[in-house]
Protein backbone atom coordinates (compact mmCIF):
# COMPACT_ATOMS: atom_id res chain seq x y z
CA LEU A 1 80.77 110.17 116.81
CA GLY A 2 80.89 114.38 115.41
CA LYS A 3 84.21 114.74 117.00
CA ALA A 4 85.56 111.41 116.30
CA ALA A 5 84.91 112.12 112.76
CA ALA A 6 86.37 115.57 112.96
CA ALA A 7 89.42 114.57 113.05
CA SER A 8 89.69 111.86 111.57
CA ALA A 9 89.05 113.82 108.56
CA ALA A 10 91.40 115.63 109.64
CA ALA A 11 94.11 113.56 110.60
CA LEU A 12 93.66 112.42 106.83
CA ARG A 13 93.45 116.02 105.31
CA LEU A 14 97.20 115.70 106.53
CA SER A 15 97.89 111.99 105.78
CA PRO A 16 96.11 110.30 103.42
CA ILE A 17 97.50 107.19 103.99
CA ASP A 18 97.63 107.26 108.25
CA ALA A 19 95.80 103.78 108.54
CA ARG A 20 94.61 104.81 111.40
CA ALA A 21 92.63 107.70 110.65
CA ILE A 22 90.89 105.24 107.90
CA ARG A 23 90.18 102.98 109.97
CA THR A 24 88.57 105.03 112.57
CA VAL A 25 86.68 106.77 109.28
CA GLY A 26 85.61 103.30 107.71
CA LEU A 27 84.34 102.10 111.29
CA LEU A 28 82.59 105.33 111.58
CA ALA A 29 81.07 104.94 108.31
CA GLY A 30 79.60 101.14 109.62
CA LEU A 31 78.38 103.25 112.42
CA SER A 32 76.72 105.63 110.38
CA GLY A 33 74.83 102.80 108.28
CA TYR A 34 77.48 103.15 105.39
CA PRO A 35 78.51 99.34 104.78
CA ALA A 36 80.38 99.10 102.30
CA GLN A 37 82.47 102.23 102.37
CA SER A 38 83.63 101.23 106.00
CA GLU A 39 84.15 96.71 104.33
CA ARG A 40 86.90 99.24 101.52
CA LEU A 41 87.71 102.03 104.20
CA LEU A 42 88.80 98.86 106.74
CA ARG A 43 90.72 97.60 103.86
CA MET A 44 92.66 99.62 102.90
CA ALA A 45 93.67 100.26 106.32
CA THR A 46 94.87 96.64 107.36
CA ARG A 47 96.82 97.32 104.26
CA LEU A 48 98.81 100.33 105.64
CA GLY A 49 97.89 99.25 109.19
CA TRP A 50 99.98 96.21 109.83
CA ARG A 51 101.25 98.04 113.36
CA ASP A 52 97.75 99.22 114.31
CA PRO A 53 96.09 96.06 117.25
CA ILE A 54 92.61 97.30 115.89
CA ALA A 55 92.42 96.75 111.80
CA ASN A 56 95.05 93.88 113.09
CA LEU A 57 91.59 92.76 115.07
CA TYR A 58 89.89 93.51 112.18
CA ALA A 59 91.98 91.53 109.27
CA ILE A 60 91.83 88.54 111.55
CA GLU A 61 88.24 88.71 111.18
CA VAL A 62 87.44 88.68 107.91
CA ALA A 63 90.77 85.90 107.81
CA VAL A 64 88.35 84.08 109.85
CA ARG A 65 85.11 85.06 107.85
CA THR A 66 86.91 84.47 104.42
CA ASN A 67 89.14 81.06 105.51
CA ASP A 68 92.42 82.51 105.84
CA PRO A 69 94.45 80.93 108.22
CA VAL A 70 97.71 81.75 106.57
CA LYS A 71 96.46 85.45 107.13
CA ALA A 72 95.44 85.09 110.82
CA VAL A 73 97.83 83.27 111.60
CA GLN A 74 100.08 86.97 110.37
CA ARG A 75 98.19 89.20 112.01
CA ALA A 76 97.89 87.53 115.39
CA GLU A 77 101.91 87.54 115.21
CA ALA A 78 102.48 90.94 113.43
CA MET A 79 100.80 92.07 117.43
CA TYR A 80 102.01 89.46 119.13
CA ARG A 81 105.34 90.50 117.98
CA GLN A 82 104.03 94.08 119.23
CA HIS A 83 103.24 92.90 122.70
CA GLN A 84 99.57 93.66 121.54
CA PHE A 85 97.64 91.02 121.45
CA GLU A 86 94.49 90.71 122.50
CA PRO A 87 91.81 88.29 124.29
CA SER A 88 89.30 89.22 121.21
CA ALA A 89 92.45 88.14 118.73
CA THR A 90 92.68 84.73 120.70
CA ALA A 91 88.91 83.91 119.98
CA ALA A 92 88.30 84.40 116.85
CA LEU A 93 91.95 82.56 115.89
CA LEU A 94 90.82 79.06 118.29
CA ARG A 95 86.63 79.67 117.05
CA PRO A 96 84.73 76.49 114.55
CA PRO A 97 86.02 75.56 112.01
CA LEU A 98 89.17 77.44 110.47
CA ASN A 99 91.19 77.11 114.42
CA ARG A 100 92.10 73.58 113.21
CA ARG A 101 93.85 75.34 110.36
CA THR A 102 95.30 78.41 112.98
CA VAL A 103 96.30 77.16 115.46
CA PRO A 104 99.10 74.61 114.55
CA LEU A 105 100.03 77.78 112.29
CA LEU A 106 100.45 79.38 114.97
CA VAL A 107 102.61 77.21 117.36
CA ARG A 108 104.49 76.65 114.78
CA GLU A 109 105.11 79.98 114.23
CA LEU A 110 105.25 81.39 117.96
CA ALA A 111 107.85 78.54 117.70
CA ASN A 112 110.09 80.03 115.20
CA LYS A 113 110.59 83.48 116.89
């Protein structure tokens, strides 16, 4: 964790809006026992990181937890457009009870592409 934390901190000093660095610091905060700080940083990273597959997976998980199928599908579609669609994203979208709402939205969104 030490090297990852140092590298992420250096990246943030160079570019304070680096979504991947913010995401990495957020993940490290969670692993270090600071869940509130981790959550705050990961949410910040998702706002900045539409191209980051890890941030998108996190955003899908949050959308599933908060029962927001539209947001889950938006993030999944962003991953799909970038050829980053992961099996874990599919698993999150298909998890009951949200799957009754995400599957039709996802099918409609992808059919329009």
